[in-house]
Protein backbone atom coordinates (compact mmCIF):
# COMPACT_ATOMS: atom_id res chain seq x y z
CA MET A 1 73.30 78.18 72.48
CA LYS A 2 69.67 77.71 73.48
CA THR A 3 68.58 76.34 76.85
CA ALA A 4 66.48 73.20 77.20
CA GLU A 5 63.45 75.36 78.03
CA GLU A 6 64.01 77.46 74.88
CA ASN A 7 64.47 74.32 72.78
CA PHE A 8 61.24 72.87 74.14
CA ALA A 9 59.33 76.12 73.51
CA SER A 10 60.54 76.13 69.88
CA LEU A 11 58.95 72.70 69.30
CA GLY A 12 55.45 74.13 69.77
CA LEU A 13 54.37 71.16 71.89
CA THR A 14 52.26 71.28 75.04
CA LEU A 15 52.97 69.37 78.23
CA PRO A 16 50.23 67.23 79.73
CA PRO A 17 49.55 67.41 83.46
CA PRO A 18 52.26 65.53 85.39
CA PRO A 19 50.87 62.04 85.98
CA LYS A 20 49.96 60.95 89.48
CA PRO A 21 51.19 57.56 90.74
CA LEU A 22 48.78 54.68 90.18
CA GLY A 23 50.50 52.60 92.85
CA VAL A 24 52.84 52.85 95.80
CA TYR A 25 55.86 54.62 94.30
CA LYS A 26 57.34 58.04 93.62
CA PRO A 27 57.18 59.30 90.03
CA CYS A 28 60.47 61.13 90.53
CA LEU A 29 63.42 60.77 92.89
CA VAL A 30 66.53 62.93 93.17
CA ASP A 31 69.64 61.25 94.58
CA GLY A 32 72.61 63.59 94.60
CA LYS A 33 73.20 64.62 91.00
CA TYR A 34 70.84 62.00 89.55
CA LEU A 35 67.15 62.22 88.72
CA TYR A 36 65.28 58.94 88.41
CA LEU A 37 61.88 58.85 86.73
CA SER A 38 59.56 55.91 87.28
CA GLY A 39 57.79 54.38 84.35
CA HIS A 40 55.53 56.93 82.67
CA GLY A 41 52.56 56.30 80.41
CA THR A 42 50.78 58.00 77.57
CA VAL A 43 49.11 60.88 79.45
CA GLN A 44 47.57 63.43 77.09
CA GLU A 45 46.82 67.14 77.64
CA ASP A 46 43.30 66.35 78.90
CA GLY A 47 44.63 63.74 81.36
CA THR A 48 43.34 60.75 79.39
CA LEU A 49 45.61 57.94 78.17
CA ILE A 50 46.41 56.77 74.67
CA ILE A 51 45.27 53.14 74.71
CA GLY A 52 46.05 50.15 72.51
CA ARG A 53 48.58 47.59 71.41
CA VAL A 54 51.13 48.35 68.71
CA GLY A 55 50.81 45.93 65.80
CA LYS A 56 47.17 45.22 66.65
CA ASP A 57 45.25 48.41 67.55
CA MET A 58 47.73 50.88 66.07
CA ASP A 59 50.62 50.94 63.61
CA MET A 60 54.21 51.76 64.50
CA GLU A 61 53.79 55.44 63.52
CA ALA A 62 50.98 55.81 66.06
CA GLY A 63 53.16 53.93 68.55
CA LYS A 64 56.01 56.37 67.92
CA LEU A 65 53.66 59.32 68.58
CA ALA A 66 52.53 57.57 71.78
CA ALA A 67 56.18 57.29 72.85
CA ARG A 68 56.62 61.02 72.22
CA GLN A 69 53.57 61.62 74.42
CA VAL A 70 55.21 59.57 77.18
CA GLY A 71 58.29 61.78 76.79
CA LEU A 72 56.10 64.86 77.21
CA ALA A 73 54.61 63.37 80.39
CA MET A 74 58.16 62.81 81.66
CA LEU A 75 59.09 66.43 80.90
CA ALA A 76 55.97 67.52 82.83
CA THR A 77 57.12 65.47 85.83
CA ILE A 78 60.59 66.99 85.65
CA LYS A 79 59.22 70.54 85.57
CA ALA A 80 56.74 69.84 88.39
CA ASN A 81 59.39 68.32 90.65
CA ILE A 82 62.59 70.28 89.99
CA GLY A 83 61.21 73.44 88.39
CA SER A 84 62.95 73.59 85.02
CA LEU A 85 64.23 71.42 82.18
CA ASN A 86 67.38 73.55 82.35
CA LYS A 87 68.36 71.77 85.58
CA VAL A 88 68.91 68.52 83.66
CA LYS A 89 72.48 68.21 82.38
CA ARG A 90 71.97 65.07 80.29
CA VAL A 91 69.98 61.93 79.65
CA ILE A 92 71.83 58.88 80.96
CA LYS A 93 69.50 55.93 80.33
CA VAL A 94 66.07 55.28 78.84
CA LEU A 95 64.14 52.02 79.15
CA GLY A 96 61.26 51.87 76.67
CA MET A 97 58.58 49.20 76.92
CA VAL A 98 56.19 48.63 74.02
CA ASN A 99 52.85 46.85 74.47
CA CYS A 100 52.76 44.97 71.19
CA SER A 101 51.57 41.95 69.30
CA PRO A 102 53.96 38.96 69.41
CA GLU A 103 55.08 39.41 65.79
CA PHE A 104 55.92 43.13 66.18
CA GLU A 105 59.71 43.69 66.06
CA ARG A 106 60.25 47.45 65.63
CA HIS A 107 60.43 48.39 69.32
CA PRO A 108 63.43 50.73 68.83
CA TYR A 109 61.56 52.66 66.13
CA VAL A 110 58.61 53.23 68.48
CA ILE A 111 60.80 54.38 71.39
CA ASN A 112 62.55 56.84 69.05
CA GLY A 113 59.44 59.00 69.57
CA CYS A 114 60.68 59.75 73.09
CA SER A 115 64.40 59.70 72.28
CA GLU A 116 63.99 62.20 69.43
CA LEU A 117 62.04 64.50 71.77
CA PHE A 118 64.81 64.37 74.39
CA ALA A 119 67.45 65.02 71.69
CA SER A 120 65.45 68.08 70.57
CA VAL A 121 65.25 69.41 74.13
CA TRP A 122 68.80 68.75 75.39
CA GLY A 123 70.66 68.45 72.07
CA THR A 124 72.20 65.35 70.51
CA GLU A 125 75.22 65.39 72.83
CA ASN A 126 73.26 65.54 76.11
CA GLY A 127 69.80 64.40 75.05
CA ILE A 128 70.79 60.94 73.85
CA GLY A 129 71.86 58.38 76.42
CA VAL A 130 72.05 54.62 76.52
CA ARG A 131 68.76 52.85 75.86
CA SER A 132 66.81 49.63 75.78
CA ALA A 133 63.61 49.18 73.77
CA VAL A 134 61.70 45.98 74.41
CA GLY A 135 58.32 44.43 73.70
CA PHE A 136 55.81 43.37 76.33
CA GLY A 137 52.64 41.28 76.19
CA SER A 138 50.74 43.93 78.16
CA LEU A 139 51.22 47.21 80.02
CA PRO A 140 49.07 48.91 82.68
CA ASP A 141 45.65 50.11 81.44
CA ASN A 142 46.56 48.73 77.98
CA ILE A 143 48.79 51.75 77.20
CA PRO A 144 50.99 51.20 74.14
CA VAL A 145 54.22 52.53 75.67
CA GLU A 146 55.78 52.94 79.11
CA ILE A 147 59.18 54.56 79.60
CA GLU A 148 61.46 55.12 82.58
CA ALA A 149 64.66 57.16 82.56
CA LEU A 150 67.72 58.32 84.48
CA PHE A 151 69.11 61.86 84.11
CA GLU A 152 72.15 63.70 85.43
CA LEU A 153 71.40 67.07 87.01
CA GLU A 154 73.47 70.27 86.68
């Protein structure tokens, strides 16, 4: 059975730099056996953000890729703060927020971009937790997706 680090390596994806807080908060907090991640945005490898509103500036496929990019930023934060993806036992909860036009209704599809990434890293048993996927009228810096999550540590 492969480790989370081995699973991630097999995906051929690259982590962006771990995002720095844009306000007064911690991006990551460990409390006992739980790891809380604050809302993360669409940080790319070069440190820039994917920008735009789903249903207006981009379609849902681009939104799903943006959600995957948020997941990658979250993985970067995990590695930077606790050293290894292998220290995460399982995903407990994901809250996905989609910056979208009022008529857009496929929020769960967009957030699958992150959820599918987590399932690939930690497996379907431990990489899929409970989840909410909701639409918002705006998000910071006009990013298309913001996601926060709770994990259980080994």
